[in-house]
Amino acid sequence: MLSTLLRTARRLHCAHTVVLACAAFAGAALAADEYPSKPIHLLVGFSPGGGLDISCRHWAQELSTRLGQPVVVENKPGASGEIAVKSMITANPDGYTLACLSGSNTISSSKPNAPFDILKDTAPVIQMTRFTFVVYVNPSLPVKTFPELIEYAKRNPGKLNYGSVGIGSTPHLAFEVLKQHAGVNIVHVPFKGTSPAMAAVLSGEVQVGLDAIAAVKQHFDAGKLRPLAVISAKRTPSLPGVPGMDEVGMKGVDINAFSGVAAPARTPSAVVDLLNRHLNAILQEPETRKIFAAQGYEPAGGSPDDFRRVLAQDVTTWSKVIRDASIKFE
C-alpha cells in the first residue's frame, strides 16, 4: 500500500513538473507573440545631450519604427548611471523597461558594496557600440599637447582640476589611470552628467575634461575646447588629427568603452532574442553607421551571450583598477 502511494506521488510530481515547464514555455511564446503591445521605456542614466543619450535616442527611434510601438527615452541621471539601471532591474521583467548600459554600470558592479550585480540582475540584449575617450582642455590653459599638459601638471601639483560625469564613471576611472601612469596630481571634480561637466570646462571652472568624442566634437570644431589625445593606443578615424596614447608616451594605456541594451533578469528569452534581432538589423543600416562614425563610435552587435562576455570582462578590468588606485566611492 505504501509503495503504491509513493509511486502515485512520484507520478503526480512529474506531471506537475511537466505542466510547469509547459506553462513557462507557453508564457515565453505568448510574450514573444504579443510583444510589444504597448510603449517600451528605454532608460538612460545620464543627462540629455551626452554621447550615450544621442545614441540611445537613435536606437529608440529606429526600434519604434520596426516594432510598431513608441520607444520612449527617459533620462534618469545621477550616481554615474546607477539610478537608471536600478530602476530597470526592479521593473517587471516583461521587456517593456530597458536600459542603455555603459562602462559606468560595470564599474558600479565592480566596486565594494556594489548596488547591483550586472551579470545576475540583468538580461543582456546587445552591445551596440565600442568607442574611446578624448582628453581635452579649455584653450586658456597654456598647453597645446598632451605631454605639455603632463609637464604643466608636474610643475603645478594639485592646481589643475578635471571634470567627469560623476564619481565611479568611466571617464573618472580612466583619468585616474592616466594620472597613475603619468605620475601627476590633477584634482577630480565630479558632475551629474556630460553636459554640466563639459560646461564647466567651457567656462573655465575646471581646466581639463575627458569624455566620449561624440559629446565634445562640436566644441573642438568651433575652437571652444582643445583636444589633446584619445586614450586608446592608436588614433581614431573620427579624430584623425589627435594622437593616441602610444604617440604621447603613454604606452600600455588603451582604454575603450561600450554601450548596449539590457533588460531585467528573467525577461523571457524570446523577447530578448526579438530585441537582439531588431537591434542587430539597425546596426547594419547605412544611416546608423553614418551617425556612429560621426560620433566616433564603432558598431558592435552580436548575440546576448557576446554582450554578457563583454560585461564580465569589464567587471574584471575595473575591479582591478578600483583596487590598484584605491578609488573611494561616496
C-alpha atoms as a PDB file:
ATOM      1  CA  MET A   1       0.000   0.000   0.000  1.00  0.00           C
ATOM      2  CA  LEU A   2       2.784   2.425   0.938  1.00  0.00           C
ATOM      3  CA  SER A   3       4.761   1.645  -2.239  1.00  0.00           C
ATOM      4  CA  THR A   4       1.634   2.284  -4.323  1.00  0.00           C
ATOM      5  CA  LEU A   5       1.129   5.667  -2.671  1.00  0.00           C
ATOM      6  CA  LEU A   6       4.782   6.591  -3.287  1.00  0.00           C
ATOM      7  CA  ARG A   7       4.555   5.646  -6.975  1.00  0.00           C
ATOM      8  CA  THR A   8       1.376   7.727  -7.309  1.00  0.00           C
ATOM      9  CA  ALA A   9       3.027  10.695  -5.616  1.00  0.00           C
ATOM     10  CA  ARG A  10       6.035  10.458  -7.937  1.00  0.00           C
ATOM     11  CA  ARG A  11       3.769  10.364 -10.991  1.00  0.00           C
ATOM     12  CA  LEU A  12       1.846  13.396  -9.749  1.00  0.00           C
ATOM     13  CA  HIS A  13       5.110  15.262  -9.077  1.00  0.00           C
ATOM     14  CA  CYS A  14       6.410  14.522 -12.578  1.00  0.00           C
ATOM     15  CA  ALA A  15       3.137  15.585 -14.118  1.00  0.00           C
ATOM     16  CA  HIS A  16       3.204  18.801 -12.100  1.00  0.00           C
ATOM     17  CA  THR A  17       6.776  19.498 -13.277  1.00  0.00           C
ATOM     18  CA  VAL A  18       5.785  18.940 -16.905  1.00  0.00           C
ATOM     19  CA  VAL A  19       2.806  21.261 -16.517  1.00  0.00           C
ATOM     20  CA  LEU A  20       5.014  23.981 -15.034  1.00  0.00           C
ATOM     21  CA  ALA A  21       7.578  23.595 -17.807  1.00  0.00           C
ATOM     22  CA  CYS A  22       4.880  23.771 -20.464  1.00  0.00           C
ATOM     23  CA  ALA A  23       3.376  26.808 -18.790  1.00  0.00           C
ATOM     24  CA  ALA A  24       6.752  28.537 -18.740  1.00  0.00           C
ATOM     25  CA  PHE A  25       7.317  27.719 -22.418  1.00  0.00           C
ATOM     26  CA  ALA A  26       3.838  28.899 -23.303  1.00  0.00           C
ATOM     27  CA  GLY A  27       4.396  32.091 -21.316  1.00  0.00           C
ATOM     28  CA  ALA A  28       7.603  32.822 -23.202  1.00  0.00           C
ATOM     29  CA  ALA A  29       5.946  32.111 -26.545  1.00  0.00           C
ATOM     30  CA  LEU A  30       2.956  34.228 -25.606  1.00  0.00           C
ATOM     31  CA  ALA A  31       5.216  37.085 -24.546  1.00  0.00           C
ATOM     32  CA  ALA A  32       7.009  36.927 -27.889  1.00  0.00           C
ATOM     33  CA  ASP A  33       3.755  36.696 -29.880  1.00  0.00           C
ATOM     34  CA  GLU A  34       2.114  39.618 -28.107  1.00  0.00           C
ATOM     35  CA  TYR A  35       5.240  41.721 -27.617  1.00  0.00           C
ATOM     36  CA  PRO A  36       5.166  44.630 -27.879  1.00  0.00           C
ATOM     37  CA  SER A  37       1.582  45.666 -27.290  1.00  0.00           C
ATOM     38  CA  LYS A  38       2.333  48.963 -25.523  1.00  0.00           C
ATOM     39  CA  PRO A  39       5.122  51.580 -25.327  1.00  0.00           C
ATOM     40  CA  ILE A  40       8.615  50.495 -24.311  1.00  0.00           C
ATOM     41  CA  HIS A  41      10.661  52.645 -21.947  1.00  0.00           C
ATOM     42  CA  LEU A  42      14.398  52.963 -22.559  1.00  0.00           C
ATOM     43  CA  LEU A  43      16.203  54.396 -19.524  1.00  0.00           C
ATOM     44  CA  VAL A  44      19.384  56.474 -19.882  1.00  0.00           C
ATOM     45  CA  GLY A  45      21.480  57.141 -16.794  1.00  0.00           C
ATOM     46  CA  PHE A  46      22.888  60.497 -17.886  1.00  0.00           C
ATOM     47  CA  SER A  47      21.678  63.953 -18.861  1.00  0.00           C
ATOM     48  CA  PRO A  48      20.252  64.727 -22.325  1.00  0.00           C
ATOM     49  CA  GLY A  49      22.841  65.707 -24.918  1.00  0.00           C
ATOM     50  CA  GLY A  50      25.619  63.328 -23.925  1.00  0.00           C
ATOM     51  CA  GLY A  51      27.083  60.652 -26.181  1.00  0.00           C
ATOM     52  CA  LEU A  52      25.058  57.797 -24.684  1.00  0.00           C
ATOM     53  CA  ASP A  53      21.854  59.828 -24.826  1.00  0.00           C
ATOM     54  CA  ILE A  54      22.408  60.733 -28.501  1.00  0.00           C
ATOM     55  CA  SER A  55      22.942  57.097 -29.467  1.00  0.00           C
ATOM     56  CA  CYS A  56      20.058  55.742 -27.415  1.00  0.00           C
ATOM     57  CA  ARG A  57      17.637  58.195 -28.966  1.00  0.00           C
ATOM     58  CA  HIS A  58      18.619  57.000 -32.433  1.00  0.00           C
ATOM     59  CA  TRP A  59      18.159  53.335 -31.443  1.00  0.00           C
ATOM     60  CA  ALA A  60      14.808  54.175 -29.849  1.00  0.00           C
ATOM     61  CA  GLN A  61      13.530  55.882 -32.976  1.00  0.00           C
ATOM     62  CA  GLU A  62      14.576  53.030 -35.258  1.00  0.00           C
ATOM     63  CA  LEU A  63      13.312  50.358 -32.865  1.00  0.00           C
ATOM     64  CA  SER A  64       9.964  52.107 -32.596  1.00  0.00           C
ATOM     65  CA  THR A  65       9.598  52.000 -36.381  1.00  0.00           C
ATOM     66  CA  ARG A  66      10.414  48.306 -36.503  1.00  0.00           C
ATOM     67  CA  LEU A  67       8.229  47.244 -33.572  1.00  0.00           C
ATOM     68  CA  GLY A  68       5.258  49.482 -34.289  1.00  0.00           C
ATOM     69  CA  GLN A  69       5.182  50.851 -30.745  1.00  0.00           C
ATOM     70  CA  PRO A  70       6.675  54.018 -29.206  1.00  0.00           C
ATOM     71  CA  VAL A  71      10.073  53.565 -27.575  1.00  0.00           C
ATOM     72  CA  VAL A  72      10.255  56.354 -25.021  1.00  0.00           C
ATOM     73  CA  VAL A  73      13.667  57.535 -23.819  1.00  0.00           C
ATOM     74  CA  GLU A  74      13.707  58.502 -20.145  1.00  0.00           C
ATOM     75  CA  ASN A  75      16.749  60.265 -18.700  1.00  0.00           C
ATOM     76  CA  LYS A  76      17.422  59.308 -15.087  1.00  0.00           C
ATOM     77  CA  PRO A  77      20.789  60.961 -14.372  1.00  0.00           C
ATOM     78  CA  GLY A  78      22.735  60.557 -11.186  1.00  0.00           C
ATOM     79  CA  ALA A  79      25.113  58.217  -9.345  1.00  0.00           C
ATOM     80  CA  SER A  80      27.102  57.574 -12.541  1.00  0.00           C
ATOM     81  CA  GLY A  81      24.206  55.827 -14.223  1.00  0.00           C
ATOM     82  CA  GLU A  82      23.222  53.685 -11.236  1.00  0.00           C
ATOM     83  CA  ILE A  83      19.770  55.237 -10.807  1.00  0.00           C
ATOM     84  CA  ALA A  84      18.631  54.236 -14.284  1.00  0.00           C
ATOM     85  CA  VAL A  85      19.964  50.686 -14.020  1.00  0.00           C
ATOM     86  CA  LYS A  86      18.427  50.143 -10.577  1.00  0.00           C
ATOM     87  CA  SER A  87      15.084  51.362 -11.952  1.00  0.00           C
ATOM     88  CA  MET A  88      15.387  48.928 -14.822  1.00  0.00           C
ATOM     89  CA  ILE A  89      16.369  45.841 -12.813  1.00  0.00           C
ATOM     90  CA  THR A  90      13.475  46.320 -10.375  1.00  0.00           C
ATOM     91  CA  ALA A  91      10.940  46.721 -13.188  1.00  0.00           C
ATOM     92  CA  ASN A  92       8.623  43.952 -14.350  1.00  0.00           C
ATOM     93  CA  PRO A  93      10.758  41.601 -16.498  1.00  0.00           C
ATOM     94  CA  ASP A  94       8.413  41.765 -19.480  1.00  0.00           C
ATOM     95  CA  GLY A  95      10.559  43.653 -21.998  1.00  0.00           C
ATOM     96  CA  TYR A  96       8.798  46.990 -21.559  1.00  0.00           C
ATOM     97  CA  THR A  97      11.547  48.551 -19.446  1.00  0.00           C
ATOM     98  CA  LEU A  98      15.047  48.506 -20.905  1.00  0.00           C
ATOM     99  CA  ALA A  99      18.211  50.435 -20.120  1.00  0.00           C
ATOM    100  CA  CYS A 100      21.146  51.728 -22.093  1.00  0.00           C
ATOM    101  CA  LEU A 101      24.265  50.322 -20.434  1.00  0.00           C
ATOM    102  CA  SER A 102      27.752  51.813 -20.452  1.00  0.00           C
ATOM    103  CA  GLY A 103      31.081  51.204 -18.772  1.00  0.00           C
ATOM    104  CA  SER A 104      29.910  53.247 -15.798  1.00  0.00           C
ATOM    105  CA  ASN A 105      27.479  50.450 -14.994  1.00  0.00           C
ATOM    106  CA  THR A 106      30.130  47.731 -14.992  1.00  0.00           C
ATOM    107  CA  ILE A 107      32.215  49.989 -12.749  1.00  0.00           C
ATOM    108  CA  SER A 108      29.278  50.244 -10.326  1.00  0.00           C
ATOM    109  CA  SER A 109      29.065  46.464 -10.322  1.00  0.00           C
ATOM    110  CA  SER A 110      32.826  46.234  -9.653  1.00  0.00           C
ATOM    111  CA  LYS A 111      33.068  48.451  -6.593  1.00  0.00           C
ATOM    112  CA  PRO A 112      32.818  47.393  -2.938  1.00  0.00           C
ATOM    113  CA  ASN A 113      29.209  47.185  -1.717  1.00  0.00           C
ATOM    114  CA  ALA A 114      28.013  47.260  -5.319  1.00  0.00           C
ATOM    115  CA  PRO A 115      24.381  48.419  -5.730  1.00  0.00           C
ATOM    116  CA  PHE A 116      23.710  45.598  -8.178  1.00  0.00           C
ATOM    117  CA  ASP A 117      25.356  42.654  -9.918  1.00  0.00           C
ATOM    118  CA  ILE A 118      25.206  43.488 -13.586  1.00  0.00           C
ATOM    119  CA  LEU A 119      25.724  39.837 -14.576  1.00  0.00           C
ATOM    120  CA  LYS A 120      22.992  38.432 -12.319  1.00  0.00           C
ATOM    121  CA  ASP A 121      20.462  41.281 -12.236  1.00  0.00           C
ATOM    122  CA  THR A 122      20.208  41.998 -15.960  1.00  0.00           C
ATOM    123  CA  ALA A 123      19.434  40.150 -19.155  1.00  0.00           C
ATOM    124  CA  PRO A 124      21.984  41.493 -21.673  1.00  0.00           C
ATOM    125  CA  VAL A 125      20.379  42.155 -25.043  1.00  0.00           C
ATOM    126  CA  ILE A 126      23.149  43.505 -27.288  1.00  0.00           C
ATOM    127  CA  GLN A 127      26.360  45.514 -27.365  1.00  0.00           C
ATOM    128  CA  MET A 128      25.640  48.405 -29.722  1.00  0.00           C
ATOM    129  CA  THR A 129      28.948  50.281 -29.881  1.00  0.00           C
ATOM    130  CA  ARG A 130      32.569  50.349 -28.817  1.00  0.00           C
ATOM    131  CA  PHE A 131      34.454  53.627 -28.581  1.00  0.00           C
ATOM    132  CA  THR A 132      37.214  55.546 -26.864  1.00  0.00           C
ATOM    133  CA  PHE A 133      37.505  58.855 -24.997  1.00  0.00           C
ATOM    134  CA  VAL A 134      39.364  62.089 -25.573  1.00  0.00           C
ATOM    135  CA  VAL A 135      41.259  64.322 -23.129  1.00  0.00           C
ATOM    136  CA  TYR A 136      40.532  67.999 -23.749  1.00  0.00           C
ATOM    137  CA  VAL A 137      41.249  71.366 -22.147  1.00  0.00           C
ATOM    138  CA  ASN A 138      39.963  74.906 -22.037  1.00  0.00           C
ATOM    139  CA  PRO A 139      42.014  76.836 -24.638  1.00  0.00           C
ATOM    140  CA  SER A 140      43.014  79.373 -21.963  1.00  0.00           C
ATOM    141  CA  LEU A 141      45.227  76.709 -20.398  1.00  0.00           C
ATOM    142  CA  PRO A 142      48.757  77.258 -21.771  1.00  0.00           C
ATOM    143  CA  VAL A 143      49.172  73.737 -23.165  1.00  0.00           C
ATOM    144  CA  LYS A 144      48.703  72.520 -26.728  1.00  0.00           C
ATOM    145  CA  THR A 145      49.726  68.863 -26.455  1.00  0.00           C
ATOM    146  CA  PHE A 146      49.194  66.033 -24.011  1.00  0.00           C
ATOM    147  CA  PRO A 147      52.878  65.925 -22.987  1.00  0.00           C
ATOM    148  CA  GLU A 148      52.655  69.677 -22.274  1.00  0.00           C
ATOM    149  CA  LEU A 149      49.622  69.025 -20.051  1.00  0.00           C
ATOM    150  CA  ILE A 150      51.549  66.410 -18.085  1.00  0.00           C
ATOM    151  CA  GLU A 151      54.570  68.710 -17.733  1.00  0.00           C
ATOM    152  CA  TYR A 152      52.330  71.602 -16.610  1.00  0.00           C
ATOM    153  CA  ALA A 153      50.647  69.344 -14.043  1.00  0.00           C
ATOM    154  CA  LYS A 154      54.030  68.243 -12.689  1.00  0.00           C
ATOM    155  CA  ARG A 155      55.108  71.876 -12.285  1.00  0.00           C
ATOM    156  CA  ASN A 156      51.789  72.752 -10.613  1.00  0.00           C
ATOM    157  CA  PRO A 157      50.786  69.741  -8.490  1.00  0.00           C
ATOM    158  CA  GLY A 158      47.195  69.881  -7.257  1.00  0.00           C
ATOM    159  CA  LYS A 159      46.433  73.154  -9.063  1.00  0.00           C
ATOM    160  CA  LEU A 160      44.701  71.666 -12.089  1.00  0.00           C
ATOM    161  CA  ASN A 161      41.174  70.229 -11.936  1.00  0.00           C
ATOM    162  CA  TYR A 162      39.493  67.770 -14.260  1.00  0.00           C
ATOM    163  CA  GLY A 163      35.768  67.272 -14.580  1.00  0.00           C
ATOM    164  CA  SER A 164      33.971  63.968 -15.087  1.00  0.00           C
ATOM    165  CA  VAL A 165      30.385  62.840 -15.379  1.00  0.00           C
ATOM    166  CA  GLY A 166      30.487  61.561 -11.801  1.00  0.00           C
ATOM    167  CA  ILE A 167      32.334  59.512  -9.213  1.00  0.00           C
ATOM    168  CA  GLY A 168      32.780  55.979 -10.459  1.00  0.00           C
ATOM    169  CA  SER A 169      32.085  56.845 -14.089  1.00  0.00           C
ATOM    170  CA  THR A 170      34.291  55.514 -16.877  1.00  0.00           C
ATOM    171  CA  PRO A 171      35.840  58.964 -17.500  1.00  0.00           C
ATOM    172  CA  HIS A 172      36.654  59.231 -13.782  1.00  0.00           C
ATOM    173  CA  LEU A 173      38.437  55.880 -13.570  1.00  0.00           C
ATOM    174  CA  ALA A 174      40.063  56.324 -16.975  1.00  0.00           C
ATOM    175  CA  PHE A 175      41.559  59.653 -15.914  1.00  0.00           C
ATOM    176  CA  GLU A 176      42.794  58.064 -12.704  1.00  0.00           C
ATOM    177  CA  VAL A 177      44.621  55.508 -14.847  1.00  0.00           C
ATOM    178  CA  LEU A 178      46.238  58.372 -16.781  1.00  0.00           C
ATOM    179  CA  LYS A 179      47.268  60.091 -13.533  1.00  0.00           C
ATOM    180  CA  GLN A 180      48.802  56.899 -12.187  1.00  0.00           C
ATOM    181  CA  HIS A 181      50.656  56.221 -15.401  1.00  0.00           C
ATOM    182  CA  ALA A 182      51.976  59.782 -15.728  1.00  0.00           C
ATOM    183  CA  GLY A 183      52.609  60.365 -12.026  1.00  0.00           C
ATOM    184  CA  VAL A 184      50.674  63.646 -11.741  1.00  0.00           C
ATOM    185  CA  ASN A 185      48.238  65.189  -9.266  1.00  0.00           C
ATOM    186  CA  ILE A 186      45.172  66.614 -11.013  1.00  0.00           C
ATOM    187  CA  VAL A 187      42.126  67.067  -8.769  1.00  0.00           C
ATOM    188  CA  HIS A 188      38.872  65.318  -9.673  1.00  0.00           C
ATOM    189  CA  VAL A 189      35.661  67.411  -9.773  1.00  0.00           C
ATOM    190  CA  PRO A 190      32.557  65.234 -10.375  1.00  0.00           C
ATOM    191  CA  PHE A 191      29.395  66.474 -12.086  1.00  0.00           C
ATOM    192  CA  LYS A 192      25.989  64.920 -12.760  1.00  0.00           C
ATOM    193  CA  GLY A 193      26.353  64.118 -16.414  1.00  0.00           C
ATOM    194  CA  THR A 194      28.210  65.052 -19.577  1.00  0.00           C
ATOM    195  CA  SER A 195      26.574  68.427 -20.198  1.00  0.00           C
ATOM    196  CA  PRO A 196      27.428  70.019 -16.818  1.00  0.00           C
ATOM    197  CA  ALA A 197      30.945  68.525 -16.862  1.00  0.00           C
ATOM    198  CA  MET A 198      31.593  69.885 -20.332  1.00  0.00           C
ATOM    199  CA  ALA A 199      30.056  73.248 -19.438  1.00  0.00           C
ATOM    200  CA  ALA A 200      32.483  73.524 -16.534  1.00  0.00           C
ATOM    201  CA  VAL A 201      35.458  73.168 -18.868  1.00  0.00           C
ATOM    202  CA  LEU A 202      33.914  75.586 -21.382  1.00  0.00           C
ATOM    203  CA  SER A 203      33.524  78.220 -18.659  1.00  0.00           C
ATOM    204  CA  GLY A 204      36.964  77.602 -17.173  1.00  0.00           C
ATOM    205  CA  GLU A 205      35.542  76.405 -13.860  1.00  0.00           C
ATOM    206  CA  VAL A 206      37.749  73.360 -14.400  1.00  0.00           C
ATOM    207  CA  GLN A 207      40.595  73.208 -16.882  1.00  0.00           C
ATOM    208  CA  VAL A 208      40.581  69.610 -18.126  1.00  0.00           C
ATOM    209  CA  GLY A 209      37.946  67.130 -19.215  1.00  0.00           C
ATOM    210  CA  LEU A 210      37.662  63.590 -20.528  1.00  0.00           C
ATOM    211  CA  ASP A 211      34.615  62.294 -22.338  1.00  0.00           C
ATOM    212  CA  ALA A 212      33.302  60.463 -25.371  1.00  0.00           C
ATOM    213  CA  ILE A 213      34.232  62.137 -28.648  1.00  0.00           C
ATOM    214  CA  ALA A 214      30.592  62.484 -29.685  1.00  0.00           C
ATOM    215  CA  ALA A 215      29.783  64.706 -26.732  1.00  0.00           C
ATOM    216  CA  VAL A 216      32.536  67.272 -27.325  1.00  0.00           C
ATOM    217  CA  LYS A 217      33.492  67.189 -31.007  1.00  0.00           C
ATOM    218  CA  GLN A 218      31.297  70.168 -31.908  1.00  0.00           C
ATOM    219  CA  HIS A 219      33.245  72.297 -29.437  1.00  0.00           C
ATOM    220  CA  PHE A 220      36.537  71.155 -30.944  1.00  0.00           C
ATOM    221  CA  ASP A 221      35.290  72.186 -34.384  1.00  0.00           C
ATOM    222  CA  ALA A 222      34.237  75.596 -33.009  1.00  0.00           C
ATOM    223  CA  GLY A 223      37.573  76.120 -31.249  1.00  0.00           C
ATOM    224  CA  LYS A 224      35.930  76.340 -27.834  1.00  0.00           C
ATOM    225  CA  LEU A 225      37.745  73.277 -26.492  1.00  0.00           C
ATOM    226  CA  ARG A 226      41.146  71.828 -27.407  1.00  0.00           C
ATOM    227  CA  PRO A 227      41.575  68.044 -27.856  1.00  0.00           C
ATOM    228  CA  LEU A 228      44.932  66.703 -26.699  1.00  0.00           C
ATOM    229  CA  ALA A 229      44.806  62.908 -27.032  1.00  0.00           C
ATOM    230  CA  VAL A 230      42.486  59.929 -27.308  1.00  0.00           C
ATOM    231  CA  ILE A 231      43.024  57.324 -24.614  1.00  0.00           C
ATOM    232  CA  SER A 232      43.162  54.322 -26.921  1.00  0.00           C
ATOM    233  CA  ALA A 233      46.569  53.109 -28.040  1.00  0.00           C
ATOM    234  CA  LYS A 234      46.078  54.316 -31.631  1.00  0.00           C
ATOM    235  CA  ARG A 235      44.337  57.239 -33.288  1.00  0.00           C
ATOM    236  CA  THR A 236      40.653  57.010 -34.097  1.00  0.00           C
ATOM    237  CA  PRO A 237      39.193  57.848 -37.549  1.00  0.00           C
ATOM    238  CA  SER A 238      36.718  60.293 -36.005  1.00  0.00           C
ATOM    239  CA  LEU A 239      39.595  62.495 -34.734  1.00  0.00           C
ATOM    240  CA  PRO A 240      42.417  61.687 -37.150  1.00  0.00           C
ATOM    241  CA  GLY A 241      44.463  64.722 -36.126  1.00  0.00           C
ATOM    242  CA  VAL A 242      44.532  63.789 -32.448  1.00  0.00           C
ATOM    243  CA  PRO A 243      47.234  61.351 -31.250  1.00  0.00           C
ATOM    244  CA  GLY A 244      46.665  58.165 -29.309  1.00  0.00           C
ATOM    245  CA  MET A 245      48.403  57.072 -26.152  1.00  0.00           C
ATOM    246  CA  ASP A 246      51.317  55.354 -27.901  1.00  0.00           C
ATOM    247  CA  GLU A 247      52.278  58.612 -29.621  1.00  0.00           C
ATOM    248  CA  VAL A 248      52.248  60.718 -26.453  1.00  0.00           C
ATOM    249  CA  GLY A 249      54.495  58.453 -24.420  1.00  0.00           C
ATOM    250  CA  MET A 250      51.744  56.551 -22.570  1.00  0.00           C
ATOM    251  CA  LYS A 251      52.373  53.090 -23.988  1.00  0.00           C
ATOM    252  CA  GLY A 252      50.342  50.439 -22.235  1.00  0.00           C
ATOM    253  CA  VAL A 253      47.287  52.683 -21.805  1.00  0.00           C
ATOM    254  CA  ASP A 254      44.480  51.512 -24.086  1.00  0.00           C
ATOM    255  CA  ILE A 255      41.026  52.221 -22.688  1.00  0.00           C
ATOM    256  CA  ASN A 256      37.903  51.595 -24.703  1.00  0.00           C
ATOM    257  CA  ALA A 257      34.267  51.625 -23.718  1.00  0.00           C
ATOM    258  CA  PHE A 258      30.944  50.232 -24.860  1.00  0.00           C
ATOM    259  CA  SER A 259      27.276  50.980 -24.965  1.00  0.00           C
ATOM    260  CA  GLY A 260      24.475  48.471 -25.156  1.00  0.00           C
ATOM    261  CA  VAL A 261      20.970  47.500 -24.160  1.00  0.00           C
ATOM    262  CA  ALA A 262      19.811  45.277 -21.300  1.00  0.00           C
ATOM    263  CA  ALA A 263      16.530  44.161 -19.759  1.00  0.00           C
ATOM    264  CA  PRO A 264      15.747  42.986 -16.233  1.00  0.00           C
ATOM    265  CA  ALA A 265      16.865  39.481 -15.337  1.00  0.00           C
ATOM    266  CA  ARG A 266      14.224  36.824 -16.041  1.00  0.00           C
ATOM    267  CA  THR A 267      12.929  38.675 -19.097  1.00  0.00           C
ATOM    268  CA  PRO A 268      11.671  35.919 -21.444  1.00  0.00           C
ATOM    269  CA  SER A 269      14.450  34.802 -23.773  1.00  0.00           C
ATOM    270  CA  ALA A 270      12.075  35.044 -26.735  1.00  0.00           C
ATOM    271  CA  VAL A 271      11.650  38.778 -26.042  1.00  0.00           C
ATOM    272  CA  VAL A 272      15.400  39.287 -25.578  1.00  0.00           C
ATOM    273  CA  ASP A 273      16.098  37.469 -28.850  1.00  0.00           C
ATOM    274  CA  LEU A 274      13.481  39.511 -30.708  1.00  0.00           C
ATOM    275  CA  LEU A 275      15.025  42.772 -29.486  1.00  0.00           C
ATOM    276  CA  ASN A 276      18.501  41.483 -30.320  1.00  0.00           C
ATOM    277  CA  ARG A 277      17.488  40.675 -33.907  1.00  0.00           C
ATOM    278  CA  HIS A 278      15.988  44.112 -34.484  1.00  0.00           C
ATOM    279  CA  LEU A 279      18.900  45.982 -32.901  1.00  0.00           C
ATOM    280  CA  ASN A 280      21.416  43.953 -34.922  1.00  0.00           C
ATOM    281  CA  ALA A 281      19.494  44.918 -38.048  1.00  0.00           C
ATOM    282  CA  ILE A 282      19.531  48.592 -37.010  1.00  0.00           C
ATOM    283  CA  LEU A 283      23.321  48.398 -36.727  1.00  0.00           C
ATOM    284  CA  GLN A 284      23.530  47.355 -40.387  1.00  0.00           C
ATOM    285  CA  GLU A 285      21.621  50.383 -41.645  1.00  0.00           C
ATOM    286  CA  PRO A 286      23.797  52.906 -43.532  1.00  0.00           C
ATOM    287  CA  GLU A 287      22.266  55.822 -41.622  1.00  0.00           C
ATOM    288  CA  THR A 288      23.124  54.211 -38.276  1.00  0.00           C
ATOM    289  CA  ARG A 289      26.708  53.617 -39.355  1.00  0.00           C
ATOM    290  CA  LYS A 290      26.963  57.181 -40.632  1.00  0.00           C
ATOM    291  CA  ILE A 291      25.748  58.571 -37.309  1.00  0.00           C
ATOM    292  CA  PHE A 292      28.067  56.327 -35.318  1.00  0.00           C
ATOM    293  CA  ALA A 293      31.068  57.247 -37.458  1.00  0.00           C
ATOM    294  CA  ALA A 294      30.378  60.943 -36.882  1.00  0.00           C
ATOM    295  CA  GLN A 295      30.255  60.284 -33.139  1.00  0.00           C
ATOM    296  CA  GLY A 296      33.445  58.253 -33.044  1.00  0.00           C
ATOM    297  CA  TYR A 297      31.590  55.003 -32.375  1.00  0.00           C
ATOM    298  CA  GLU A 298      32.231  51.624 -33.967  1.00  0.00           C
ATOM    299  CA  PRO A 299      29.146  49.422 -34.392  1.00  0.00           C
ATOM    300  CA  ALA A 300      29.411  46.205 -32.405  1.00  0.00           C
ATOM    301  CA  GLY A 301      26.414  43.844 -32.450  1.00  0.00           C
ATOM    302  CA  GLY A 302      26.364  40.131 -31.778  1.00  0.00           C
ATOM    303  CA  SER A 303      24.356  37.866 -29.521  1.00  0.00           C
ATOM    304  CA  PRO A 304      23.183  38.397 -25.932  1.00  0.00           C
ATOM    305  CA  ASP A 305      25.916  35.967 -24.829  1.00  0.00           C
ATOM    306  CA  ASP A 306      28.519  38.037 -26.666  1.00  0.00           C
ATOM    307  CA  PHE A 307      27.426  41.101 -24.701  1.00  0.00           C
ATOM    308  CA  ARG A 308      27.445  39.145 -21.437  1.00  0.00           C
ATOM    309  CA  ARG A 309      31.103  38.258 -22.058  1.00  0.00           C
ATOM    310  CA  VAL A 310      31.937  41.945 -22.626  1.00  0.00           C
ATOM    311  CA  LEU A 311      30.254  42.855 -19.345  1.00  0.00           C
ATOM    312  CA  ALA A 312      32.118  40.113 -17.490  1.00  0.00           C
ATOM    313  CA  GLN A 313      35.480  41.232 -18.874  1.00  0.00           C
ATOM    314  CA  ASP A 314      34.737  44.855 -17.977  1.00  0.00           C
ATOM    315  CA  VAL A 315      33.905  43.911 -14.383  1.00  0.00           C
ATOM    316  CA  THR A 316      37.216  42.078 -14.117  1.00  0.00           C
ATOM    317  CA  THR A 317      39.153  45.048 -15.546  1.00  0.00           C
ATOM    318  CA  TRP A 318      37.543  47.761 -13.432  1.00  0.00           C
ATOM    319  CA  SER A 319      37.694  45.712 -10.236  1.00  0.00           C
ATOM    320  CA  LYS A 320      41.480  45.727 -10.608  1.00  0.00           C
ATOM    321  CA  VAL A 321      41.630  49.484 -11.371  1.00  0.00           C
ATOM    322  CA  ILE A 322      39.482  50.290  -8.334  1.00  0.00           C
ATOM    323  CA  ARG A 323      41.672  48.156  -6.117  1.00  0.00           C
ATOM    324  CA  ASP A 324      45.005  49.372  -7.505  1.00  0.00           C
ATOM    325  CA  ALA A 325      44.027  53.068  -7.489  1.00  0.00           C
ATOM    326  CA  SER A 326      42.260  52.850  -4.089  1.00  0.00           C
ATOM    327  CA  ILE A 327      39.193  54.572  -5.539  1.00  0.00           C
ATOM    328  CA  LYS A 328      36.800  55.716  -2.818  1.00  0.00           C
ATOM    329  CA  PHE A 329      33.102  55.912  -3.562  1.00  0.00           C
ATOM    330  CA  GLU A 330      30.718  58.191  -1.690  1.00  0.00           C
END
